[in-house]
Amino acid sequence: MGYKVALVGATGNVGREMLNILDERKFPADEVVALASRRSMGVEVSYGDRTLKCKALENYDFGDVDICLMSAGGAVSKEWSPKIAAAGAVVIDNSSTWRMDPDVPLIVPEVNADAVSGFTKKGIIANPNCSTAQLVVALKPLHDKATIKRVVVSTYQSVSGAGKDAMDELFSQTKSVYTNSDIVNKKFPKRIAFNVIPEIDVFMEDGYTKEEWKMMMETKKILDPKIKLTATCVRVPVFVGHSEAVNIEFENPISVDEARDILRNAPGCLLIDKREPGGYVTPYEAAGEDATYISRIREDATVENGLVLWCVNRKLIKAKQKAA
């Protein structure tokens, strides 16, 4: 007997991808219900070779739902996740709302799947920020081997992380550059076409952005509270796929060859690391794939036990993997 699955936010980019992955992975669902706000009621979304008509979240009875995937933003999750969990469903939330709640497990399946048992406290399971998810997949096997002390990470994040409107803005601005038309900024504080923006989410009092704070705090919760991490998060004019340059300092020695062997066999990792032109992965090659790609592993000679690596993940795929 399969599960009854409800998906809140079915009309969004990630919601549609979640439906795709449920079908692709042949998730044992007897019934899948697409939910959205009242204004999207009746909108059709694809689930494999079937078409689902969205129902209104506000009027839906969750009494017989087994699993609810939440992908409708933080405000909706804050209001509805406890209600849905109280009705008996296990809520898997894709927003930032519950990530740092001590009674809600923050899960990346390849890293800390055992922690999912903590969902019984509130009936909610949280997913980390997409940049954190791909980072900890790369860090976990190395941490198990040599114990990580400190991480310095710079991200190169695609516009898909900011949603469909952001992707449309990159497209329209790029077109405007070539047609010599006026460039309009709506989604981003500065133009994104042929530019990079070192600002993702709001600024905090200490000068970090909230996106950078998320990476610091979530890595500690998922992997090890003793790890020190500092991040600089940058939006780049790429449609899909986040990249990260990662400097890692370890307590114990670990060689480049050891790291390659470990990551080659680690869950969720795919090593492509040739010291030759093009012997690494970019977001373009990662599009459509599930793995966190790792390249350019080398020694960091500025610390006693240090490595540097490059990792890439297709953001939308990782988001839906976490939900499924």
C-alpha atoms as a PDB file:
ATOM      1  CA  MET A   1       0.000   0.000   0.000  1.00  0.00           C
ATOM      2  CA  GLY A   2       1.395   3.380  -1.002  1.00  0.00           C
ATOM      3  CA  TYR A   3       1.300   6.825   0.572  1.00  0.00           C
ATOM      4  CA  LYS A   4      -0.973   9.779   0.053  1.00  0.00           C
ATOM      5  CA  VAL A   5       1.252  12.756  -0.684  1.00  0.00           C
ATOM      6  CA  ALA A   6       0.245  16.420  -0.718  1.00  0.00           C
ATOM      7  CA  LEU A   7       2.442  19.070  -2.304  1.00  0.00           C
ATOM      8  CA  VAL A   8       1.948  22.671  -1.194  1.00  0.00           C
ATOM      9  CA  GLY A   9       3.300  25.146  -3.740  1.00  0.00           C
ATOM     10  CA  ALA A  10       2.799  22.888  -6.739  1.00  0.00           C
ATOM     11  CA  THR A  11       2.791  25.729  -9.288  1.00  0.00           C
ATOM     12  CA  GLY A  12       6.284  27.021  -8.420  1.00  0.00           C
ATOM     13  CA  ASN A  13       9.560  25.976 -10.073  1.00  0.00           C
ATOM     14  CA  VAL A  14      10.623  23.719  -7.205  1.00  0.00           C
ATOM     15  CA  GLY A  15       7.119  22.378  -6.710  1.00  0.00           C
ATOM     16  CA  ARG A  16       6.935  21.255 -10.331  1.00  0.00           C
ATOM     17  CA  GLU A  17      10.375  19.672 -10.021  1.00  0.00           C
ATOM     18  CA  MET A  18       9.235  17.818  -6.908  1.00  0.00           C
ATOM     19  CA  LEU A  19       6.364  16.312  -8.894  1.00  0.00           C
ATOM     20  CA  ASN A  20       8.820  15.277 -11.603  1.00  0.00           C
ATOM     21  CA  ILE A  21      11.142  13.532  -9.170  1.00  0.00           C
ATOM     22  CA  LEU A  22       8.296  11.742  -7.394  1.00  0.00           C
ATOM     23  CA  ASP A  23       7.354  10.271 -10.749  1.00  0.00           C
ATOM     24  CA  GLU A  24      10.922   9.610 -11.942  1.00  0.00           C
ATOM     25  CA  ARG A  25      11.877   7.826  -8.721  1.00  0.00           C
ATOM     26  CA  LYS A  26       8.604   5.884  -8.741  1.00  0.00           C
ATOM     27  CA  PHE A  27       7.870   7.011  -5.196  1.00  0.00           C
ATOM     28  CA  PRO A  28       5.220   4.656  -3.748  1.00  0.00           C
ATOM     29  CA  ALA A  29       2.342   7.142  -3.788  1.00  0.00           C
ATOM     30  CA  ASP A  30      -1.192   5.904  -4.331  1.00  0.00           C
ATOM     31  CA  GLU A  31      -2.380   9.504  -4.579  1.00  0.00           C
ATOM     32  CA  VAL A  32      -0.647  12.857  -5.090  1.00  0.00           C
ATOM     33  CA  VAL A  33      -2.546  16.073  -4.409  1.00  0.00           C
ATOM     34  CA  ALA A  34      -1.361  19.425  -5.808  1.00  0.00           C
ATOM     35  CA  LEU A  35      -2.101  22.379  -3.539  1.00  0.00           C
ATOM     36  CA  ALA A  36      -1.618  26.116  -3.966  1.00  0.00           C
ATOM     37  CA  SER A  37      -3.225  29.407  -2.981  1.00  0.00           C
ATOM     38  CA  ARG A  38      -6.824  30.218  -3.905  1.00  0.00           C
ATOM     39  CA  ARG A  39      -5.727  32.276  -6.902  1.00  0.00           C
ATOM     40  CA  SER A  40      -4.018  29.192  -8.381  1.00  0.00           C
ATOM     41  CA  MET A  41      -6.950  26.853  -7.764  1.00  0.00           C
ATOM     42  CA  GLY A  42      -7.653  24.888 -10.932  1.00  0.00           C
ATOM     43  CA  VAL A  43      -4.231  25.489 -12.444  1.00  0.00           C
ATOM     44  CA  GLU A  44      -2.952  22.296 -14.057  1.00  0.00           C
ATOM     45  CA  VAL A  45       0.463  20.781 -13.285  1.00  0.00           C
ATOM     46  CA  SER A  46       2.111  17.665 -14.681  1.00  0.00           C
ATOM     47  CA  TYR A  47       2.806  14.543 -12.650  1.00  0.00           C
ATOM     48  CA  GLY A  48       4.375  12.018 -15.005  1.00  0.00           C
ATOM     49  CA  ASP A  49       1.853  11.352 -17.767  1.00  0.00           C
ATOM     50  CA  ARG A  50      -0.962  12.638 -15.586  1.00  0.00           C
ATOM     51  CA  THR A  51      -2.330  16.137 -15.099  1.00  0.00           C
ATOM     52  CA  LEU A  52      -3.261  17.371 -11.640  1.00  0.00           C
ATOM     53  CA  LYS A  53      -5.553  20.308 -10.963  1.00  0.00           C
ATOM     54  CA  CYS A  54      -4.447  22.418  -8.027  1.00  0.00           C
ATOM     55  CA  LYS A  55      -6.709  22.604  -5.014  1.00  0.00           C
ATOM     56  CA  ALA A  56      -6.810  25.442  -2.505  1.00  0.00           C
ATOM     57  CA  LEU A  57      -4.577  24.948   0.525  1.00  0.00           C
ATOM     58  CA  GLU A  58      -6.936  26.928   2.752  1.00  0.00           C
ATOM     59  CA  ASN A  59      -9.833  24.501   2.236  1.00  0.00           C
ATOM     60  CA  TYR A  60      -8.005  21.187   2.171  1.00  0.00           C
ATOM     61  CA  ASP A  61      -8.496  18.453   4.797  1.00  0.00           C
ATOM     62  CA  PHE A  62      -5.151  16.817   5.619  1.00  0.00           C
ATOM     63  CA  GLY A  63      -6.688  14.126   7.823  1.00  0.00           C
ATOM     64  CA  ASP A  64      -5.735  11.249   5.497  1.00  0.00           C
ATOM     65  CA  VAL A  65      -2.437  12.650   4.143  1.00  0.00           C
ATOM     66  CA  ASP A  66       0.711  10.685   4.997  1.00  0.00           C
ATOM     67  CA  ILE A  67       3.388  13.083   3.718  1.00  0.00           C
ATOM     68  CA  CYS A  68       3.162  16.783   2.912  1.00  0.00           C
ATOM     69  CA  LEU A  69       5.898  18.455   0.881  1.00  0.00           C
ATOM     70  CA  MET A  70       6.020  22.197   1.609  1.00  0.00           C
ATOM     71  CA  SER A  71       7.424  24.437  -1.126  1.00  0.00           C
ATOM     72  CA  ALA A  72       5.398  27.623  -0.813  1.00  0.00           C
ATOM     73  CA  GLY A  73       7.767  29.900   1.108  1.00  0.00           C
ATOM     74  CA  GLY A  74       8.499  30.672   4.736  1.00  0.00           C
ATOM     75  CA  ALA A  75       5.321  32.560   5.649  1.00  0.00           C
ATOM     76  CA  VAL A  76       3.074  29.768   4.387  1.00  0.00           C
ATOM     77  CA  SER A  77       5.168  27.125   6.114  1.00  0.00           C
ATOM     78  CA  LYS A  78       5.184  28.976   9.412  1.00  0.00           C
ATOM     79  CA  GLU A  79       1.391  29.118   9.419  1.00  0.00           C
ATOM     80  CA  TRP A  80       0.515  25.767   7.890  1.00  0.00           C
ATOM     81  CA  SER A  81       3.236  23.236   8.728  1.00  0.00           C
ATOM     82  CA  PRO A  82       2.201  22.867  12.411  1.00  0.00           C
ATOM     83  CA  LYS A  83      -1.469  22.566  11.404  1.00  0.00           C
ATOM     84  CA  ILE A  84      -0.736  19.908   8.801  1.00  0.00           C
ATOM     85  CA  ALA A  85       1.526  17.994  11.204  1.00  0.00           C
ATOM     86  CA  ALA A  86      -1.181  18.146  13.864  1.00  0.00           C
ATOM     87  CA  ALA A  87      -3.565  16.499  11.382  1.00  0.00           C
ATOM     88  CA  GLY A  88      -1.193  13.524  11.237  1.00  0.00           C
ATOM     89  CA  ALA A  89       0.976  14.124   8.158  1.00  0.00           C
ATOM     90  CA  VAL A  90       4.765  14.187   8.175  1.00  0.00           C
ATOM     91  CA  VAL A  91       5.742  17.620   6.848  1.00  0.00           C
ATOM     92  CA  ILE A  92       8.934  17.987   4.789  1.00  0.00           C
ATOM     93  CA  ASP A  93       9.621  21.711   4.495  1.00  0.00           C
ATOM     94  CA  ASN A  94      11.770  23.305   1.813  1.00  0.00           C
ATOM     95  CA  SER A  95      11.844  26.819   3.320  1.00  0.00           C
ATOM     96  CA  SER A  96      14.168  28.302   5.932  1.00  0.00           C
ATOM     97  CA  THR A  97      11.444  28.568   8.592  1.00  0.00           C
ATOM     98  CA  TRP A  98      12.197  25.460  10.666  1.00  0.00           C
ATOM     99  CA  ARG A  99      15.864  24.860   9.903  1.00  0.00           C
ATOM    100  CA  MET A 100      17.284  26.162  13.150  1.00  0.00           C
ATOM    101  CA  ASP A 101      14.467  24.928  15.391  1.00  0.00           C
ATOM    102  CA  PRO A 102      16.146  22.518  17.850  1.00  0.00           C
ATOM    103  CA  ASP A 103      13.102  20.226  17.727  1.00  0.00           C
ATOM    104  CA  VAL A 104      13.147  19.911  13.928  1.00  0.00           C
ATOM    105  CA  PRO A 105      15.791  17.716  12.244  1.00  0.00           C
ATOM    106  CA  LEU A 106      17.721  19.369   9.401  1.00  0.00           C
ATOM    107  CA  ILE A 107      18.389  16.597   6.923  1.00  0.00           C
ATOM    108  CA  VAL A 108      20.640  15.911   3.955  1.00  0.00           C
ATOM    109  CA  PRO A 109      20.104  12.199   3.219  1.00  0.00           C
ATOM    110  CA  GLU A 110      23.718  11.503   2.183  1.00  0.00           C
ATOM    111  CA  VAL A 111      25.023  13.152   5.350  1.00  0.00           C
ATOM    112  CA  ASN A 112      22.768  12.671   8.393  1.00  0.00           C
ATOM    113  CA  ALA A 113      19.830  10.464   7.444  1.00  0.00           C
ATOM    114  CA  ASP A 114      19.772   8.934  10.948  1.00  0.00           C
ATOM    115  CA  ALA A 115      18.748  12.291  12.439  1.00  0.00           C
ATOM    116  CA  VAL A 116      15.358  12.049  10.715  1.00  0.00           C
ATOM    117  CA  SER A 117      14.031  10.131  13.720  1.00  0.00           C
ATOM    118  CA  GLY A 118      13.764  13.482  15.517  1.00  0.00           C
ATOM    119  CA  PHE A 119      10.763  14.449  13.383  1.00  0.00           C
ATOM    120  CA  THR A 120       8.404  13.004  16.009  1.00  0.00           C
ATOM    121  CA  LYS A 121       8.813  16.082  18.236  1.00  0.00           C
ATOM    122  CA  LYS A 122       6.937  18.405  15.861  1.00  0.00           C
ATOM    123  CA  GLY A 123       6.107  16.249  12.875  1.00  0.00           C
ATOM    124  CA  ILE A 124       8.319  18.414  10.656  1.00  0.00           C
ATOM    125  CA  ILE A 125      11.547  17.677   8.753  1.00  0.00           C
ATOM    126  CA  ALA A 126      13.545  20.635   7.410  1.00  0.00           C
ATOM    127  CA  ASN A 127      15.761  20.882   4.337  1.00  0.00           C
ATOM    128  CA  PRO A 128      18.867  23.100   4.413  1.00  0.00           C
ATOM    129  CA  ASN A 129      19.688  25.941   2.094  1.00  0.00           C
ATOM    130  CA  CYS A 130      20.717  24.611  -1.329  1.00  0.00           C
ATOM    131  CA  SER A 131      24.286  25.923  -0.998  1.00  0.00           C
ATOM    132  CA  THR A 132      24.645  24.249   2.385  1.00  0.00           C
ATOM    133  CA  ALA A 133      23.288  20.962   1.038  1.00  0.00           C
ATOM    134  CA  GLN A 134      25.895  20.569  -1.686  1.00  0.00           C
ATOM    135  CA  LEU A 135      28.662  21.773   0.633  1.00  0.00           C
ATOM    136  CA  VAL A 136      28.009  19.277   3.427  1.00  0.00           C
ATOM    137  CA  VAL A 137      27.756  16.404   0.930  1.00  0.00           C
ATOM    138  CA  ALA A 138      31.362  17.183  -0.019  1.00  0.00           C
ATOM    139  CA  LEU A 139      32.539  17.901   3.540  1.00  0.00           C
ATOM    140  CA  LYS A 140      31.032  14.918   5.402  1.00  0.00           C
ATOM    141  CA  PRO A 141      33.341  12.141   4.146  1.00  0.00           C
ATOM    142  CA  LEU A 142      36.402  14.348   4.585  1.00  0.00           C
ATOM    143  CA  HIS A 143      35.313  15.305   8.096  1.00  0.00           C
ATOM    144  CA  ASP A 144      34.935  11.618   8.979  1.00  0.00           C
ATOM    145  CA  LYS A 145      38.510  11.019   7.840  1.00  0.00           C
ATOM    146  CA  ALA A 146      40.467  13.990   9.179  1.00  0.00           C
ATOM    147  CA  THR A 147      38.093  16.192  11.281  1.00  0.00           C
ATOM    148  CA  ILE A 148      37.410  19.641   9.828  1.00  0.00           C
ATOM    149  CA  LYS A 149      38.387  22.671  11.896  1.00  0.00           C
ATOM    150  CA  ARG A 150      37.591  25.573   9.577  1.00  0.00           C
ATOM    151  CA  VAL A 151      35.985  26.195   6.190  1.00  0.00           C
ATOM    152  CA  VAL A 152      36.172  29.276   3.960  1.00  0.00           C
ATOM    153  CA  VAL A 153      33.670  29.102   1.106  1.00  0.00           C
ATOM    154  CA  SER A 154      32.808  31.452  -1.751  1.00  0.00           C
ATOM    155  CA  THR A 155      29.637  30.644  -3.670  1.00  0.00           C
ATOM    156  CA  TYR A 156      28.697  31.379  -7.271  1.00  0.00           C
ATOM    157  CA  GLN A 157      24.914  30.946  -7.169  1.00  0.00           C
ATOM    158  CA  SER A 158      22.608  30.808 -10.164  1.00  0.00           C
ATOM    159  CA  VAL A 159      19.518  32.968 -10.497  1.00  0.00           C
ATOM    160  CA  SER A 160      17.250  29.902 -10.194  1.00  0.00           C
ATOM    161  CA  GLY A 161      17.815  30.148  -6.449  1.00  0.00           C
ATOM    162  CA  ALA A 162      15.783  33.370  -6.476  1.00  0.00           C
ATOM    163  CA  GLY A 163      12.878  31.846  -8.426  1.00  0.00           C
ATOM    164  CA  LYS A 164      11.229  32.138 -11.810  1.00  0.00           C
ATOM    165  CA  ASP A 165      11.065  35.959 -11.771  1.00  0.00           C
ATOM    166  CA  ALA A 166      14.841  36.068 -11.306  1.00  0.00           C
ATOM    167  CA  MET A 167      15.408  33.723 -14.231  1.00  0.00           C
ATOM    168  CA  ASP A 168      13.098  35.869 -16.361  1.00  0.00           C
ATOM    169  CA  GLU A 169      15.037  38.985 -15.330  1.00  0.00           C
ATOM    170  CA  LEU A 170      18.368  37.498 -16.415  1.00  0.00           C
ATOM    171  CA  PHE A 171      16.835  36.544 -19.758  1.00  0.00           C
ATOM    172  CA  SER A 172      15.231  39.933 -20.356  1.00  0.00           C
ATOM    173  CA  GLN A 173      18.322  41.896 -19.283  1.00  0.00           C
ATOM    174  CA  THR A 174      20.582  39.794 -21.504  1.00  0.00           C
ATOM    175  CA  LYS A 175      18.238  40.407 -24.420  1.00  0.00           C
ATOM    176  CA  SER A 176      18.246  44.151 -23.634  1.00  0.00           C
ATOM    177  CA  VAL A 177      22.049  44.257 -23.754  1.00  0.00           C
ATOM    178  CA  TYR A 178      22.081  42.814 -27.275  1.00  0.00           C
ATOM    179  CA  THR A 179      19.219  45.006 -28.511  1.00  0.00           C
ATOM    180  CA  ASN A 180      20.567  48.149 -26.835  1.00  0.00           C
ATOM    181  CA  SER A 181      17.350  48.526 -24.832  1.00  0.00           C
ATOM    182  CA  ASP A 182      16.827  49.865 -21.328  1.00  0.00           C
ATOM    183  CA  ILE A 183      17.798  47.416 -18.585  1.00  0.00           C
ATOM    184  CA  VAL A 184      15.260  47.125 -15.772  1.00  0.00           C
ATOM    185  CA  ASN A 185      16.108  45.807 -12.275  1.00  0.00           C
ATOM    186  CA  LYS A 186      13.176  44.365 -10.339  1.00  0.00           C
ATOM    187  CA  LYS A 187      14.285  41.184  -8.631  1.00  0.00           C
ATOM    188  CA  PHE A 188      17.929  42.084  -7.975  1.00  0.00           C
ATOM    189  CA  PRO A 189      19.433  45.264  -6.432  1.00  0.00           C
ATOM    190  CA  LYS A 190      21.762  45.670  -9.427  1.00  0.00           C
ATOM    191  CA  ARG A 191      21.690  44.334 -12.949  1.00  0.00           C
ATOM    192  CA  ILE A 192      22.533  40.636 -13.139  1.00  0.00           C
ATOM    193  CA  ALA A 193      23.224  40.290 -16.877  1.00  0.00           C
ATOM    194  CA  PHE A 194      27.008  40.183 -17.477  1.00  0.00           C
ATOM    195  CA  ASN A 195      27.558  41.037 -13.817  1.00  0.00           C
ATOM    196  CA  VAL A 196      27.971  39.436 -10.374  1.00  0.00           C
ATOM    197  CA  ILE A 197      26.208  40.568  -7.195  1.00  0.00           C
ATOM    198  CA  PRO A 198      27.778  39.872  -3.758  1.00  0.00           C
ATOM    199  CA  GLU A 199      24.424  40.088  -1.996  1.00  0.00           C
ATOM    200  CA  ILE A 200      21.995  37.203  -1.457  1.00  0.00           C
ATOM    201  CA  ASP A 201      19.169  37.728   1.045  1.00  0.00           C
ATOM    202  CA  VAL A 202      19.176  40.617   3.536  1.00  0.00           C
ATOM    203  CA  PHE A 203      22.186  42.176   5.266  1.00  0.00           C
ATOM    204  CA  MET A 204      22.646  41.503   8.966  1.00  0.00           C
ATOM    205  CA  GLU A 205      24.192  43.762  11.607  1.00  0.00           C
ATOM    206  CA  ASP A 206      27.614  42.085  11.414  1.00  0.00           C
ATOM    207  CA  GLY A 207      27.886  42.715   7.658  1.00  0.00           C
ATOM    208  CA  TYR A 208      27.146  39.160   6.575  1.00  0.00           C
ATOM    209  CA  THR A 209      24.049  38.434   4.523  1.00  0.00           C
ATOM    210  CA  LYS A 210      21.430  36.022   5.773  1.00  0.00           C
ATOM    211  CA  GLU A 211      22.402  33.547   3.031  1.00  0.00           C
ATOM    212  CA  GLU A 212      25.950  33.496   4.422  1.00  0.00           C
ATOM    213  CA  TRP A 213      24.626  33.136   7.975  1.00  0.00           C
ATOM    214  CA  LYS A 214      22.499  30.175   6.866  1.00  0.00           C
ATOM    215  CA  MET A 215      25.547  28.359   5.521  1.00  0.00           C
ATOM    216  CA  MET A 216      27.430  28.908   8.768  1.00  0.00           C
ATOM    217  CA  MET A 217      24.640  27.826  11.114  1.00  0.00           C
ATOM    218  CA  GLU A 218      23.214  24.989   9.034  1.00  0.00           C
ATOM    219  CA  THR A 219      26.616  23.357   8.498  1.00  0.00           C
ATOM    220  CA  LYS A 220      27.132  23.321  12.248  1.00  0.00           C
ATOM    221  CA  LYS A 221      23.716  21.768  12.891  1.00  0.00           C
ATOM    222  CA  ILE A 222      24.023  19.111  10.190  1.00  0.00           C
ATOM    223  CA  LEU A 223      27.692  18.205  10.455  1.00  0.00           C
ATOM    224  CA  ASP A 224      29.429  19.373  13.645  1.00  0.00           C
ATOM    225  CA  PRO A 225      28.902  22.436  15.903  1.00  0.00           C
ATOM    226  CA  LYS A 226      32.676  22.711  16.360  1.00  0.00           C
ATOM    227  CA  ILE A 227      33.335  23.545  12.704  1.00  0.00           C
ATOM    228  CA  LYS A 228      34.145  27.191  12.055  1.00  0.00           C
ATOM    229  CA  LEU A 229      32.847  28.443   8.718  1.00  0.00           C
ATOM    230  CA  THR A 230      32.842  31.773   6.930  1.00  0.00           C
ATOM    231  CA  ALA A 231      31.084  32.366   3.620  1.00  0.00           C
ATOM    232  CA  THR A 232      30.769  34.951   0.861  1.00  0.00           C
ATOM    233  CA  CYS A 233      27.691  34.322  -1.291  1.00  0.00           C
ATOM    234  CA  VAL A 234      27.554  35.769  -4.791  1.00  0.00           C
ATOM    235  CA  ARG A 235      24.785  35.722  -7.400  1.00  0.00           C
ATOM    236  CA  VAL A 236      26.116  35.079 -10.922  1.00  0.00           C
ATOM    237  CA  PRO A 237      24.455  35.287 -14.376  1.00  0.00           C
ATOM    238  CA  VAL A 238      23.891  31.534 -14.680  1.00  0.00           C
ATOM    239  CA  PHE A 239      20.348  30.186 -15.040  1.00  0.00           C
ATOM    240  CA  VAL A 240      20.709  26.896 -13.118  1.00  0.00           C
ATOM    241  CA  GLY A 241      23.525  25.450 -11.010  1.00  0.00           C
ATOM    242  CA  HIS A 242      25.407  26.616  -7.920  1.00  0.00           C
ATOM    243  CA  SER A 243      29.213  26.462  -7.693  1.00  0.00           C
ATOM    244  CA  GLU A 244      31.466  26.795  -4.654  1.00  0.00           C
ATOM    245  CA  ALA A 245      35.177  27.317  -4.055  1.00  0.00           C
ATOM    246  CA  VAL A 246      35.985  25.693  -0.703  1.00  0.00           C
ATOM    247  CA  ASN A 247      39.098  26.000   1.487  1.00  0.00           C
ATOM    248  CA  ILE A 248      39.177  23.399   4.272  1.00  0.00           C
ATOM    249  CA  GLU A 249      41.491  23.200   7.295  1.00  0.00           C
ATOM    250  CA  PHE A 250      41.697  19.843   9.100  1.00  0.00           C
ATOM    251  CA  GLU A 251      42.856  18.769  12.542  1.00  0.00           C
ATOM    252  CA  ASN A 252      44.643  15.734  11.087  1.00  0.00           C
ATOM    253  CA  PRO A 253      46.743  15.260   7.945  1.00  0.00           C
ATOM    254  CA  ILE A 254      44.970  14.292   4.734  1.00  0.00           C
ATOM    255  CA  SER A 255      46.601  14.144   1.322  1.00  0.00           C
ATOM    256  CA  VAL A 256      45.128  15.134  -2.016  1.00  0.00           C
ATOM    257  CA  ASP A 257      45.192  11.505  -3.150  1.00  0.00           C
ATOM    258  CA  GLU A 258      43.401  10.375   0.013  1.00  0.00           C
ATOM    259  CA  ALA A 259      40.742  13.030  -0.478  1.00  0.00           C
ATOM    260  CA  ARG A 260      40.227  11.973  -4.094  1.00  0.00           C
ATOM    261  CA  ASP A 261      39.790   8.330  -3.104  1.00  0.00           C
ATOM    262  CA  ILE A 262      37.342   9.226  -0.336  1.00  0.00           C
ATOM    263  CA  LEU A 263      35.204  11.530  -2.478  1.00  0.00           C
ATOM    264  CA  ARG A 264      35.255   9.136  -5.432  1.00  0.00           C
ATOM    265  CA  ASN A 265      33.362   6.629  -3.285  1.00  0.00           C
ATOM    266  CA  ALA A 266      31.256   9.011  -1.165  1.00  0.00           C
ATOM    267  CA  PRO A 267      27.428   9.008  -1.394  1.00  0.00           C
ATOM    268  CA  GLY A 268      26.093  11.814  -3.575  1.00  0.00           C
ATOM    269  CA  CYS A 269      29.537  12.818  -4.889  1.00  0.00           C
ATOM    270  CA  LEU A 270      30.923  12.499  -8.386  1.00  0.00           C
ATOM    271  CA  LEU A 271      34.636  13.237  -8.781  1.00  0.00           C
ATOM    272  CA  ILE A 272      35.844  14.757 -12.056  1.00  0.00           C
ATOM    273  CA  ASP A 273      39.321  16.074 -11.381  1.00  0.00           C
ATOM    274  CA  LYS A 274      41.858  16.125 -14.184  1.00  0.00           C
ATOM    275  CA  ARG A 275      44.722  18.591 -14.103  1.00  0.00           C
ATOM    276  CA  GLU A 276      44.265  19.661 -17.680  1.00  0.00           C
ATOM    277  CA  PRO A 277      42.225  22.269 -19.571  1.00  0.00           C
ATOM    278  CA  GLY A 278      38.547  21.490 -19.058  1.00  0.00           C
ATOM    279  CA  GLY A 279      39.234  18.726 -16.545  1.00  0.00           C
ATOM    280  CA  TYR A 280      36.602  19.994 -14.119  1.00  0.00           C
ATOM    281  CA  VAL A 281      32.834  20.487 -13.998  1.00  0.00           C
ATOM    282  CA  THR A 282      30.922  23.730 -14.566  1.00  0.00           C
ATOM    283  CA  PRO A 283      27.205  24.421 -13.961  1.00  0.00           C
ATOM    284  CA  TYR A 284      26.533  23.832 -17.656  1.00  0.00           C
ATOM    285  CA  GLU A 285      27.661  20.201 -17.477  1.00  0.00           C
ATOM    286  CA  ALA A 286      25.911  19.645 -14.150  1.00  0.00           C
ATOM    287  CA  ALA A 287      22.486  20.699 -15.472  1.00  0.00           C
ATOM    288  CA  GLY A 288      20.076  17.794 -15.416  1.00  0.00           C
ATOM    289  CA  GLU A 289      22.224  15.632 -13.124  1.00  0.00           C
ATOM    290  CA  ASP A 290      21.730  14.678  -9.478  1.00  0.00           C
ATOM    291  CA  ALA A 291      25.250  14.518  -8.040  1.00  0.00           C
ATOM    292  CA  THR A 292      27.404  17.079  -6.293  1.00  0.00           C
ATOM    293  CA  TYR A 293      30.360  17.283  -8.658  1.00  0.00           C
ATOM    294  CA  ILE A 294      33.802  17.801  -7.156  1.00  0.00           C
ATOM    295  CA  SER A 295      36.863  19.031  -9.042  1.00  0.00           C
ATOM    296  CA  ARG A 296      40.208  20.797  -8.607  1.00  0.00           C
ATOM    297  CA  ILE A 297      41.256  19.167  -5.327  1.00  0.00           C
ATOM    298  CA  ARG A 298      44.631  20.543  -4.286  1.00  0.00           C
ATOM    299  CA  GLU A 299      46.715  21.312  -1.231  1.00  0.00           C
ATOM    300  CA  ASP A 300      46.253  24.595   0.619  1.00  0.00           C
ATOM    301  CA  ALA A 301      49.811  25.384   1.657  1.00  0.00           C
ATOM    302  CA  THR A 302      48.755  28.379   3.789  1.00  0.00           C
ATOM    303  CA  VAL A 303      47.648  26.089   6.668  1.00  0.00           C
ATOM    304  CA  GLU A 304      49.148  22.953   8.207  1.00  0.00           C
ATOM    305  CA  ASN A 305      46.488  20.499   7.038  1.00  0.00           C
ATOM    306  CA  GLY A 306      44.575  22.143   4.233  1.00  0.00           C
ATOM    307  CA  LEU A 307      42.802  21.316   0.997  1.00  0.00           C
ATOM    308  CA  VAL A 308      40.993  23.358  -1.639  1.00  0.00           C
ATOM    309  CA  LEU A 309      38.230  22.062  -3.885  1.00  0.00           C
ATOM    310  CA  TRP A 310      35.554  23.155  -6.342  1.00  0.00           C
ATOM    311  CA  CYS A 311      32.015  21.742  -6.185  1.00  0.00           C
ATOM    312  CA  VAL A 312      28.980  22.179  -8.431  1.00  0.00           C
ATOM    313  CA  ASN A 313      25.375  21.132  -8.100  1.00  0.00           C
ATOM    314  CA  ARG A 314      22.278  21.766 -10.170  1.00  0.00           C
ATOM    315  CA  LYS A 315      20.174  23.686  -7.644  1.00  0.00           C
ATOM    316  CA  LEU A 316      16.655  22.660  -8.677  1.00  0.00           C
ATOM    317  CA  ILE A 317      17.576  18.989  -8.774  1.00  0.00           C
ATOM    318  CA  LYS A 318      19.042  19.138  -5.261  1.00  0.00           C
ATOM    319  CA  ALA A 319      16.000  20.907  -3.908  1.00  0.00           C
ATOM    320  CA  LYS A 320      13.640  18.253  -5.178  1.00  0.00           C
ATOM    321  CA  GLN A 321      15.979  15.427  -4.086  1.00  0.00           C
ATOM    322  CA  LYS A 322      15.764  16.692  -0.526  1.00  0.00           C
ATOM    323  CA  ALA A 323      11.991  16.608  -0.656  1.00  0.00           C
ATOM    324  CA  ALA A 324      11.730  13.152  -2.187  1.00  0.00           C
END
